[in-house]
Amino acid sequence: MNVSVLIMTLNEEVNLPACLASLDWCDDIVVLDSFSTDRTVEIARAAGARVYQRAYDTEDRQRMYGLTEISFRHLWVYTPDADEITPPDLRDEMLAIAADPTRPEVFFKARYKNMFMGRWIRHASLYPTWITRLVRPDRVRFERSVHSRASGGPEGALQAHFIHYSFNKGLAAWYDKHNLYSTVEADLSAARLLERRVDWGGLLSGNPERRRRALKSLSYNLPYRPTLRFLYMYVLRGGFLDGKPGYLYCRLLSAYEFMIVIKMEEQRQRQSALVADAPAVMPPLKTEAPERRMV
């Protein structure tokens, strides 16, 4: 086999067995663990994976550590999440790419099928969303975002899908994870608001990723974001076609948007309080002038 695997984990004993079972074709699996307190490390080692541990700070730093500080047996590295399944058609496509030394690409992106309540949420999950999954560690780099963005050279697109089970641990775990995501999104949203930039041309772009980023940049400047997110996903994107799971999924996305908005408001109030409490810098007063006080 010509593809290694890097999986980043934190308390993934629920998801990891199925993920590893779909990777039984790989002879070089590395698990970069963030000091899990469950059976994650035990499961990984029992499957023959090499296990390294590093305290988690951000996704991009964790991934770059894994790709640059760990040696792999093969030139290409596949980077699934622990809650993802790798079907045979995706495996075969990646192995064919790795077997061709003339490929100019530095990384490949793949689409995923997002599963919720036993159903593929095709319409309400912004399908197709492209995620970097196959990389050349010696040439790729990742930029800061909620989901790290790869760069460094030509990119390619995988035709097969991976399967994403983001709710395997239950809704409580989903909320915990998206609580962290929403903090990063709130920081990015605040920065975009300061820039006041909207990619108007990207709204009509044929590139799904650019169109998604343009819609997000526009949303930073819109009021009632949680409600608009629900209406966009459920009505305009056809979430109603995904049945009851689609409706519930759109409600969850709206709740996630509300988490971002309320954290942005929290940041705004904190900044306003800091400005109000900051001492005023005033020019020296003349001795005969009356005392002035900032209140």
C-alpha atoms as a PDB file:
ATOM      1  CA  MET A   1       0.000   0.000   0.000  1.00  0.00           C
ATOM      2  CA  ASN A   2       1.163   3.538  -0.790  1.00  0.00           C
ATOM      3  CA  VAL A   3      -0.949   5.635   1.607  1.00  0.00           C
ATOM      4  CA  SER A   4      -0.385   6.270   5.319  1.00  0.00           C
ATOM      5  CA  VAL A   5      -3.149   7.414   7.680  1.00  0.00           C
ATOM      6  CA  LEU A   6      -3.186  10.116  10.370  1.00  0.00           C
ATOM      7  CA  ILE A   7      -6.143  10.274  12.775  1.00  0.00           C
ATOM      8  CA  MET A   8      -6.432  12.956  15.463  1.00  0.00           C
ATOM      9  CA  THR A   9      -8.361  11.811  18.526  1.00  0.00           C
ATOM     10  CA  LEU A  10      -9.740  12.936  21.866  1.00  0.00           C
ATOM     11  CA  ASN A  11     -11.962  10.447  23.705  1.00  0.00           C
ATOM     12  CA  GLU A  12     -13.053   8.632  20.557  1.00  0.00           C
ATOM     13  CA  GLU A  13     -13.676   5.137  21.916  1.00  0.00           C
ATOM     14  CA  VAL A  14     -17.198   5.229  20.442  1.00  0.00           C
ATOM     15  CA  ASN A  15     -16.126   6.143  16.906  1.00  0.00           C
ATOM     16  CA  LEU A  16     -12.610   4.775  16.515  1.00  0.00           C
ATOM     17  CA  PRO A  17     -13.357   1.035  16.072  1.00  0.00           C
ATOM     18  CA  ALA A  18     -15.522   1.584  12.974  1.00  0.00           C
ATOM     19  CA  CYS A  19     -13.090   4.143  11.573  1.00  0.00           C
ATOM     20  CA  LEU A  20     -10.151   1.747  11.951  1.00  0.00           C
ATOM     21  CA  ALA A  21     -12.151  -1.175  10.553  1.00  0.00           C
ATOM     22  CA  SER A  22     -12.686   0.776   7.324  1.00  0.00           C
ATOM     23  CA  LEU A  23      -8.904   1.338   7.163  1.00  0.00           C
ATOM     24  CA  ASP A  24      -7.861  -2.313   7.492  1.00  0.00           C
ATOM     25  CA  TRP A  25      -6.152  -2.030   4.092  1.00  0.00           C
ATOM     26  CA  CYS A  26      -3.535   0.420   5.437  1.00  0.00           C
ATOM     27  CA  ASP A  27      -0.188  -0.788   6.806  1.00  0.00           C
ATOM     28  CA  ASP A  28       0.793   2.545   8.416  1.00  0.00           C
ATOM     29  CA  ILE A  29      -1.820   4.101  10.711  1.00  0.00           C
ATOM     30  CA  VAL A  30      -0.826   6.877  13.116  1.00  0.00           C
ATOM     31  CA  VAL A  31      -3.129   8.118  15.880  1.00  0.00           C
ATOM     32  CA  LEU A  32      -2.277  11.550  17.297  1.00  0.00           C
ATOM     33  CA  ASP A  33      -4.136  11.607  20.583  1.00  0.00           C
ATOM     34  CA  SER A  34      -4.841  14.596  22.837  1.00  0.00           C
ATOM     35  CA  PHE A  35      -4.493  12.653  26.104  1.00  0.00           C
ATOM     36  CA  SER A  36      -7.814  10.831  25.963  1.00  0.00           C
ATOM     37  CA  THR A  37      -9.240   9.610  29.253  1.00  0.00           C
ATOM     38  CA  ASP A  38     -11.258   6.751  27.746  1.00  0.00           C
ATOM     39  CA  ARG A  39     -10.132   3.624  25.836  1.00  0.00           C
ATOM     40  CA  THR A  40      -9.076   5.469  22.673  1.00  0.00           C
ATOM     41  CA  VAL A  41      -5.353   4.718  22.998  1.00  0.00           C
ATOM     42  CA  GLU A  42      -5.999   1.090  23.930  1.00  0.00           C
ATOM     43  CA  ILE A  43      -8.240   0.604  20.882  1.00  0.00           C
ATOM     44  CA  ALA A  44      -5.715   2.248  18.559  1.00  0.00           C
ATOM     45  CA  ARG A  45      -2.803   0.128  19.752  1.00  0.00           C
ATOM     46  CA  ALA A  46      -4.867  -3.059  19.587  1.00  0.00           C
ATOM     47  CA  ALA A  47      -5.503  -2.289  15.908  1.00  0.00           C
ATOM     48  CA  GLY A  48      -1.766  -1.949  15.264  1.00  0.00           C
ATOM     49  CA  ALA A  49      -1.655   1.847  15.050  1.00  0.00           C
ATOM     50  CA  ARG A  50       1.294   3.920  16.215  1.00  0.00           C
ATOM     51  CA  VAL A  51       0.121   6.283  18.951  1.00  0.00           C
ATOM     52  CA  TYR A  52       1.564   9.719  19.710  1.00  0.00           C
ATOM     53  CA  GLN A  53       0.186  12.206  22.207  1.00  0.00           C
ATOM     54  CA  ARG A  54       0.137  15.994  22.191  1.00  0.00           C
ATOM     55  CA  ALA A  55      -2.019  18.466  24.107  1.00  0.00           C
ATOM     56  CA  TYR A  56      -4.657  19.939  21.792  1.00  0.00           C
ATOM     57  CA  ASP A  57      -4.522  23.674  21.093  1.00  0.00           C
ATOM     58  CA  THR A  58      -6.013  24.247  17.627  1.00  0.00           C
ATOM     59  CA  GLU A  59      -6.963  21.888  14.824  1.00  0.00           C
ATOM     60  CA  ASP A  60      -4.515  23.355  12.323  1.00  0.00           C
ATOM     61  CA  ARG A  61      -1.568  23.242  14.760  1.00  0.00           C
ATOM     62  CA  GLN A  62      -2.417  19.719  15.805  1.00  0.00           C
ATOM     63  CA  ARG A  63      -2.658  18.563  12.203  1.00  0.00           C
ATOM     64  CA  MET A  64       0.534  20.330  11.169  1.00  0.00           C
ATOM     65  CA  TYR A  65       2.357  18.767  14.110  1.00  0.00           C
ATOM     66  CA  GLY A  66       1.209  15.351  12.988  1.00  0.00           C
ATOM     67  CA  LEU A  67       2.202  15.940   9.373  1.00  0.00           C
ATOM     68  CA  THR A  68       5.574  17.562  10.047  1.00  0.00           C
ATOM     69  CA  GLU A  69       6.865  16.023  13.286  1.00  0.00           C
ATOM     70  CA  ILE A  70       5.841  12.401  12.701  1.00  0.00           C
ATOM     71  CA  SER A  71       7.518  10.217  10.091  1.00  0.00           C
ATOM     72  CA  PHE A  72       5.291   8.219   7.767  1.00  0.00           C
ATOM     73  CA  ARG A  73       6.066   5.153   5.725  1.00  0.00           C
ATOM     74  CA  HIS A  74       4.462   6.519   2.565  1.00  0.00           C
ATOM     75  CA  LEU A  75       4.582   9.790   0.637  1.00  0.00           C
ATOM     76  CA  TRP A  76       0.826  10.392   0.742  1.00  0.00           C
ATOM     77  CA  VAL A  77      -1.122  10.672   4.007  1.00  0.00           C
ATOM     78  CA  TYR A  78      -4.885  10.289   4.382  1.00  0.00           C
ATOM     79  CA  THR A  79      -6.304  12.328   7.300  1.00  0.00           C
ATOM     80  CA  PRO A  80      -9.797  11.145   8.291  1.00  0.00           C
ATOM     81  CA  ASP A  81     -11.525  12.180  11.490  1.00  0.00           C
ATOM     82  CA  ALA A  82     -12.363   9.437  13.969  1.00  0.00           C
ATOM     83  CA  ASP A  83     -16.089   9.752  13.213  1.00  0.00           C
ATOM     84  CA  GLU A  84     -15.597   9.059   9.500  1.00  0.00           C
ATOM     85  CA  ILE A  85     -15.838   5.830   7.500  1.00  0.00           C
ATOM     86  CA  THR A  86     -13.698   5.222   4.405  1.00  0.00           C
ATOM     87  CA  PRO A  87     -15.624   3.247   1.739  1.00  0.00           C
ATOM     88  CA  PRO A  88     -13.816   0.895  -0.690  1.00  0.00           C
ATOM     89  CA  ASP A  89     -14.261   3.195  -3.703  1.00  0.00           C
ATOM     90  CA  LEU A  90     -12.509   6.045  -1.886  1.00  0.00           C
ATOM     91  CA  ARG A  91      -9.733   3.683  -0.803  1.00  0.00           C
ATOM     92  CA  ASP A  92      -9.174   2.494  -4.377  1.00  0.00           C
ATOM     93  CA  GLU A  93      -9.112   6.041  -5.748  1.00  0.00           C
ATOM     94  CA  MET A  94      -6.519   7.215  -3.223  1.00  0.00           C
ATOM     95  CA  LEU A  95      -4.296   4.187  -3.789  1.00  0.00           C
ATOM     96  CA  ALA A  96      -4.381   4.806  -7.543  1.00  0.00           C
ATOM     97  CA  ILE A  97      -3.297   8.416  -7.021  1.00  0.00           C
ATOM     98  CA  ALA A  98      -0.490   7.416  -4.680  1.00  0.00           C
ATOM     99  CA  ALA A  99       0.759   4.831  -7.171  1.00  0.00           C
ATOM    100  CA  ASP A 100       1.254   7.501  -9.864  1.00  0.00           C
ATOM    101  CA  PRO A 101       4.550   9.379  -9.237  1.00  0.00           C
ATOM    102  CA  THR A 102       3.767  11.947 -11.954  1.00  0.00           C
ATOM    103  CA  ARG A 103       0.831  13.527 -10.078  1.00  0.00           C
ATOM    104  CA  PRO A 104       1.478  17.273  -9.601  1.00  0.00           C
ATOM    105  CA  GLU A 105      -1.091  17.768  -6.828  1.00  0.00           C
ATOM    106  CA  VAL A 106      -0.061  18.586  -3.268  1.00  0.00           C
ATOM    107  CA  PHE A 107      -3.403  17.682  -1.690  1.00  0.00           C
ATOM    108  CA  PHE A 108      -6.813  16.314  -2.613  1.00  0.00           C
ATOM    109  CA  LYS A 109     -10.243  17.233  -1.309  1.00  0.00           C
ATOM    110  CA  ALA A 110     -13.203  14.903  -0.914  1.00  0.00           C
ATOM    111  CA  ARG A 111     -16.932  15.314  -0.415  1.00  0.00           C
ATOM    112  CA  TYR A 112     -18.728  13.639   2.444  1.00  0.00           C
ATOM    113  CA  LYS A 113     -22.169  12.236   3.162  1.00  0.00           C
ATOM    114  CA  ASN A 114     -23.314  13.619   6.502  1.00  0.00           C
ATOM    115  CA  MET A 115     -25.446  11.112   8.413  1.00  0.00           C
ATOM    116  CA  PHE A 116     -28.085  12.089  10.979  1.00  0.00           C
ATOM    117  CA  MET A 117     -30.765   9.848  12.496  1.00  0.00           C
ATOM    118  CA  GLY A 118     -29.834   7.077  10.078  1.00  0.00           C
ATOM    119  CA  ARG A 119     -30.226   9.229   6.970  1.00  0.00           C
ATOM    120  CA  TRP A 120     -27.911  11.056   4.594  1.00  0.00           C
ATOM    121  CA  ILE A 121     -28.707  14.747   5.052  1.00  0.00           C
ATOM    122  CA  ARG A 122     -27.987  15.688   1.474  1.00  0.00           C
ATOM    123  CA  HIS A 123     -29.788  19.007   1.148  1.00  0.00           C
ATOM    124  CA  ALA A 124     -29.474  20.543   4.619  1.00  0.00           C
ATOM    125  CA  SER A 125     -25.750  19.808   4.957  1.00  0.00           C
ATOM    126  CA  LEU A 126     -24.584  22.152   2.169  1.00  0.00           C
ATOM    127  CA  TYR A 127     -23.622  19.216  -0.006  1.00  0.00           C
ATOM    128  CA  PRO A 128     -21.225  19.163  -1.731  1.00  0.00           C
ATOM    129  CA  THR A 129     -18.752  20.488   0.830  1.00  0.00           C
ATOM    130  CA  TRP A 130     -15.124  19.709  -0.001  1.00  0.00           C
ATOM    131  CA  ILE A 131     -12.701  18.835   2.811  1.00  0.00           C
ATOM    132  CA  THR A 132      -8.957  18.221   2.481  1.00  0.00           C
ATOM    133  CA  ARG A 133      -8.270  14.568   3.176  1.00  0.00           C
ATOM    134  CA  LEU A 134      -5.266  13.342   1.148  1.00  0.00           C
ATOM    135  CA  VAL A 135      -2.028  15.329   1.443  1.00  0.00           C
ATOM    136  CA  ARG A 136       1.669  15.401   0.727  1.00  0.00           C
ATOM    137  CA  PRO A 137       3.144  16.273   4.170  1.00  0.00           C
ATOM    138  CA  ASP A 138       6.390  17.527   2.660  1.00  0.00           C
ATOM    139  CA  ARG A 139       4.593  20.258   0.709  1.00  0.00           C
ATOM    140  CA  VAL A 140       1.187  21.098   2.200  1.00  0.00           C
ATOM    141  CA  ARG A 141       0.391  23.669   4.903  1.00  0.00           C
ATOM    142  CA  PHE A 142      -2.792  24.570   6.759  1.00  0.00           C
ATOM    143  CA  GLU A 143      -4.261  27.990   7.546  1.00  0.00           C
ATOM    144  CA  ARG A 144      -6.274  28.911  10.640  1.00  0.00           C
ATOM    145  CA  SER A 145     -10.034  28.446  10.401  1.00  0.00           C
ATOM    146  CA  VAL A 146     -12.677  26.313  12.039  1.00  0.00           C
ATOM    147  CA  HIS A 147     -11.883  23.594   9.526  1.00  0.00           C
ATOM    148  CA  SER A 148      -8.248  23.962   8.499  1.00  0.00           C
ATOM    149  CA  ARG A 149      -7.701  25.120   4.910  1.00  0.00           C
ATOM    150  CA  ALA A 150      -4.851  23.560   2.940  1.00  0.00           C
ATOM    151  CA  SER A 151      -2.532  25.383   0.555  1.00  0.00           C
ATOM    152  CA  GLY A 152       0.967  25.117  -0.848  1.00  0.00           C
ATOM    153  CA  GLY A 153       0.446  23.855  -4.387  1.00  0.00           C
ATOM    154  CA  PRO A 154      -1.980  22.345  -6.924  1.00  0.00           C
ATOM    155  CA  GLU A 155      -5.051  20.651  -5.500  1.00  0.00           C
ATOM    156  CA  GLY A 156      -7.149  17.792  -6.789  1.00  0.00           C
ATOM    157  CA  ALA A 157     -10.665  16.486  -6.222  1.00  0.00           C
ATOM    158  CA  LEU A 158     -11.525  12.932  -5.226  1.00  0.00           C
ATOM    159  CA  GLN A 159     -14.662  11.573  -6.866  1.00  0.00           C
ATOM    160  CA  ALA A 160     -15.585   9.127  -4.094  1.00  0.00           C
ATOM    161  CA  HIS A 161     -17.135  10.178  -0.773  1.00  0.00           C
ATOM    162  CA  PHE A 162     -16.331   9.496   2.846  1.00  0.00           C
ATOM    163  CA  ILE A 163     -19.153   8.959   5.354  1.00  0.00           C
ATOM    164  CA  HIS A 164     -19.446  11.306   8.331  1.00  0.00           C
ATOM    165  CA  TYR A 165     -21.195  10.239  11.551  1.00  0.00           C
ATOM    166  CA  SER A 166     -20.970  13.415  13.624  1.00  0.00           C
ATOM    167  CA  PHE A 167     -23.738  12.404  16.060  1.00  0.00           C
ATOM    168  CA  ASN A 168     -22.469   8.974  17.126  1.00  0.00           C
ATOM    169  CA  LYS A 169     -21.655  10.271  20.621  1.00  0.00           C
ATOM    170  CA  GLY A 170     -25.063  11.895  21.056  1.00  0.00           C
ATOM    171  CA  LEU A 171     -26.294  15.470  21.002  1.00  0.00           C
ATOM    172  CA  ALA A 172     -24.480  16.458  24.202  1.00  0.00           C
ATOM    173  CA  ALA A 173     -21.123  15.709  22.585  1.00  0.00           C
ATOM    174  CA  TRP A 174     -22.206  17.548  19.425  1.00  0.00           C
ATOM    175  CA  TYR A 175     -23.039  20.645  21.493  1.00  0.00           C
ATOM    176  CA  ASP A 176     -19.730  20.443  23.348  1.00  0.00           C
ATOM    177  CA  LYS A 177     -17.799  20.315  20.079  1.00  0.00           C
ATOM    178  CA  HIS A 178     -19.767  23.111  18.465  1.00  0.00           C
ATOM    179  CA  ASN A 179     -19.391  25.215  21.579  1.00  0.00           C
ATOM    180  CA  LEU A 180     -15.661  25.211  20.806  1.00  0.00           C
ATOM    181  CA  TYR A 181     -16.270  25.774  17.094  1.00  0.00           C
ATOM    182  CA  SER A 182     -18.578  28.717  17.793  1.00  0.00           C
ATOM    183  CA  THR A 183     -15.863  30.456  19.811  1.00  0.00           C
ATOM    184  CA  VAL A 184     -13.505  30.336  16.834  1.00  0.00           C
ATOM    185  CA  GLU A 185     -16.315  31.387  14.484  1.00  0.00           C
ATOM    186  CA  ALA A 186     -17.161  34.334  16.736  1.00  0.00           C
ATOM    187  CA  ASP A 187     -13.544  35.507  16.597  1.00  0.00           C
ATOM    188  CA  LEU A 188     -13.480  35.187  12.809  1.00  0.00           C
ATOM    189  CA  SER A 189     -16.879  36.864  12.461  1.00  0.00           C
ATOM    190  CA  ALA A 190     -15.739  39.836  14.536  1.00  0.00           C
ATOM    191  CA  ALA A 191     -12.639  40.185  12.363  1.00  0.00           C
ATOM    192  CA  ARG A 192     -14.697  40.044   9.160  1.00  0.00           C
ATOM    193  CA  LEU A 193     -17.073  42.682  10.491  1.00  0.00           C
ATOM    194  CA  LEU A 194     -14.139  45.007  11.041  1.00  0.00           C
ATOM    195  CA  GLU A 195     -12.961  44.379   7.470  1.00  0.00           C
ATOM    196  CA  ARG A 196     -16.467  44.971   6.054  1.00  0.00           C
ATOM    197  CA  ARG A 197     -15.645  42.764   3.069  1.00  0.00           C
ATOM    198  CA  VAL A 198     -18.199  40.694   1.155  1.00  0.00           C
ATOM    199  CA  ASP A 199     -17.227  38.615  -1.859  1.00  0.00           C
ATOM    200  CA  TRP A 200     -20.218  39.572  -3.985  1.00  0.00           C
ATOM    201  CA  GLY A 201     -18.872  37.800  -7.050  1.00  0.00           C
ATOM    202  CA  GLY A 202     -18.414  34.633  -5.042  1.00  0.00           C
ATOM    203  CA  LEU A 203     -22.150  34.446  -4.304  1.00  0.00           C
ATOM    204  CA  LEU A 204     -22.708  33.374  -7.915  1.00  0.00           C
ATOM    205  CA  SER A 205     -19.485  31.422  -8.308  1.00  0.00           C
ATOM    206  CA  GLY A 206     -19.540  27.941  -9.770  1.00  0.00           C
ATOM    207  CA  ASN A 207     -16.942  26.935  -7.174  1.00  0.00           C
ATOM    208  CA  PRO A 208     -18.899  25.460  -4.220  1.00  0.00           C
ATOM    209  CA  GLU A 209     -16.211  26.319  -1.671  1.00  0.00           C
ATOM    210  CA  ARG A 210     -15.918  29.951  -2.790  1.00  0.00           C
ATOM    211  CA  ARG A 211     -19.703  30.261  -2.847  1.00  0.00           C
ATOM    212  CA  ARG A 212     -19.921  28.865   0.695  1.00  0.00           C
ATOM    213  CA  ARG A 213     -17.265  31.316   1.956  1.00  0.00           C
ATOM    214  CA  ALA A 214     -19.023  34.211   0.219  1.00  0.00           C
ATOM    215  CA  LEU A 215     -22.341  33.314   1.828  1.00  0.00           C
ATOM    216  CA  LYS A 216     -20.654  33.132   5.208  1.00  0.00           C
ATOM    217  CA  SER A 217     -18.981  36.528   4.742  1.00  0.00           C
ATOM    218  CA  LEU A 218     -22.364  38.000   3.789  1.00  0.00           C
ATOM    219  CA  SER A 219     -23.995  36.452   6.854  1.00  0.00           C
ATOM    220  CA  TYR A 220     -21.538  38.299   9.112  1.00  0.00           C
ATOM    221  CA  ASN A 221     -23.267  41.539   8.105  1.00  0.00           C
ATOM    222  CA  LEU A 222     -26.883  40.363   8.376  1.00  0.00           C
ATOM    223  CA  PRO A 223     -29.278  40.723  11.330  1.00  0.00           C
ATOM    224  CA  TYR A 224     -31.316  37.760  12.633  1.00  0.00           C
ATOM    225  CA  ARG A 225     -28.637  35.309  11.562  1.00  0.00           C
ATOM    226  CA  PRO A 226     -30.026  32.219  13.366  1.00  0.00           C
ATOM    227  CA  THR A 227     -33.465  32.632  11.778  1.00  0.00           C
ATOM    228  CA  LEU A 228     -32.019  33.370   8.360  1.00  0.00           C
ATOM    229  CA  ARG A 229     -29.735  30.334   8.646  1.00  0.00           C
ATOM    230  CA  PHE A 230     -32.716  28.092   9.305  1.00  0.00           C
ATOM    231  CA  LEU A 231     -34.765  29.520   6.439  1.00  0.00           C
ATOM    232  CA  TYR A 232     -31.843  29.291   4.032  1.00  0.00           C
ATOM    233  CA  MET A 233     -31.030  25.675   4.905  1.00  0.00           C
ATOM    234  CA  TYR A 234     -34.582  24.386   5.266  1.00  0.00           C
ATOM    235  CA  VAL A 235     -36.330  26.261   2.459  1.00  0.00           C
ATOM    236  CA  LEU A 236     -33.802  27.493  -0.103  1.00  0.00           C
ATOM    237  CA  ARG A 237     -31.384  24.567   0.185  1.00  0.00           C
ATOM    238  CA  GLY A 238     -34.228  22.056   0.346  1.00  0.00           C
ATOM    239  CA  GLY A 239     -33.729  20.729   3.848  1.00  0.00           C
ATOM    240  CA  PHE A 240     -37.426  19.830   3.881  1.00  0.00           C
ATOM    241  CA  LEU A 241     -36.599  17.143   1.307  1.00  0.00           C
ATOM    242  CA  ASP A 242     -34.556  15.354   3.988  1.00  0.00           C
ATOM    243  CA  GLY A 243     -37.710  14.680   6.008  1.00  0.00           C
ATOM    244  CA  LYS A 244     -37.917  14.973   9.778  1.00  0.00           C
ATOM    245  CA  PRO A 245     -34.136  14.476  10.194  1.00  0.00           C
ATOM    246  CA  GLY A 246     -33.628  17.423   7.826  1.00  0.00           C
ATOM    247  CA  TYR A 247     -35.908  19.668   9.885  1.00  0.00           C
ATOM    248  CA  LEU A 248     -34.187  18.774  13.151  1.00  0.00           C
ATOM    249  CA  TYR A 249     -30.758  19.177  11.580  1.00  0.00           C
ATOM    250  CA  CYS A 250     -31.643  22.676  10.336  1.00  0.00           C
ATOM    251  CA  ARG A 251     -32.795  23.575  13.841  1.00  0.00           C
ATOM    252  CA  LEU A 252     -29.440  22.460  15.206  1.00  0.00           C
ATOM    253  CA  LEU A 253     -27.621  24.618  12.655  1.00  0.00           C
ATOM    254  CA  SER A 254     -29.754  27.583  13.696  1.00  0.00           C
ATOM    255  CA  ALA A 255     -28.843  26.936  17.345  1.00  0.00           C
ATOM    256  CA  TYR A 256     -25.160  26.831  16.383  1.00  0.00           C
ATOM    257  CA  GLU A 257     -25.551  30.179  14.616  1.00  0.00           C
ATOM    258  CA  PHE A 258     -27.140  31.606  17.759  1.00  0.00           C
ATOM    259  CA  MET A 259     -24.122  30.456  19.784  1.00  0.00           C
ATOM    260  CA  ILE A 260     -21.878  32.435  17.426  1.00  0.00           C
ATOM    261  CA  VAL A 261     -24.054  35.553  17.576  1.00  0.00           C
ATOM    262  CA  ILE A 262     -24.318  35.583  21.370  1.00  0.00           C
ATOM    263  CA  LYS A 263     -20.554  35.130  21.735  1.00  0.00           C
ATOM    264  CA  MET A 264     -19.976  38.031  19.343  1.00  0.00           C
ATOM    265  CA  GLU A 265     -22.286  40.156  21.498  1.00  0.00           C
ATOM    266  CA  GLU A 266     -20.384  39.037  24.582  1.00  0.00           C
ATOM    267  CA  GLN A 267     -17.130  40.132  22.934  1.00  0.00           C
ATOM    268  CA  ARG A 268     -18.657  43.471  21.953  1.00  0.00           C
ATOM    269  CA  GLN A 269     -19.835  44.198  25.490  1.00  0.00           C
ATOM    270  CA  ARG A 270     -16.494  43.162  26.938  1.00  0.00           C
ATOM    271  CA  GLN A 271     -14.672  45.496  24.559  1.00  0.00           C
ATOM    272  CA  SER A 272     -17.087  48.327  25.364  1.00  0.00           C
ATOM    273  CA  ALA A 273     -16.466  47.823  29.075  1.00  0.00           C
ATOM    274  CA  LEU A 274     -12.702  47.925  28.548  1.00  0.00           C
ATOM    275  CA  VAL A 275     -12.995  51.170  26.606  1.00  0.00           C
ATOM    276  CA  ALA A 276     -15.247  52.694  29.258  1.00  0.00           C
ATOM    277  CA  ASP A 277     -12.875  51.716  32.059  1.00  0.00           C
ATOM    278  CA  ALA A 278      -9.722  52.886  30.282  1.00  0.00           C
ATOM    279  CA  PRO A 279      -8.223  56.082  31.756  1.00  0.00           C
ATOM    280  CA  ALA A 280      -8.609  59.098  29.544  1.00  0.00           C
ATOM    281  CA  VAL A 281      -5.455  60.689  28.188  1.00  0.00           C
ATOM    282  CA  MET A 282      -5.856  64.451  28.501  1.00  0.00           C
ATOM    283  CA  PRO A 283      -3.477  67.353  27.942  1.00  0.00           C
ATOM    284  CA  PRO A 284      -2.019  69.067  31.048  1.00  0.00           C
ATOM    285  CA  LEU A 285      -4.477  71.448  32.655  1.00  0.00           C
ATOM    286  CA  LYS A 286      -3.631  75.014  33.485  1.00  0.00           C
ATOM    287  CA  THR A 287      -3.411  75.735  37.201  1.00  0.00           C
ATOM    288  CA  GLU A 288      -6.329  78.113  37.076  1.00  0.00           C
ATOM    289  CA  ALA A 289      -8.607  75.707  35.247  1.00  0.00           C
ATOM    290  CA  PRO A 290     -11.287  73.886  37.261  1.00  0.00           C
ATOM    291  CA  GLU A 291     -10.834  70.200  37.973  1.00  0.00           C
ATOM    292  CA  ARG A 292     -12.343  67.859  35.385  1.00  0.00           C
ATOM    293  CA  ARG A 293     -13.180  64.235  35.997  1.00  0.00           C
ATOM    294  CA  MET A 294     -14.137  61.446  33.618  1.00  0.00           C
ATOM    295  CA  VAL A 295     -17.315  59.728  34.822  1.00  0.00           C
END
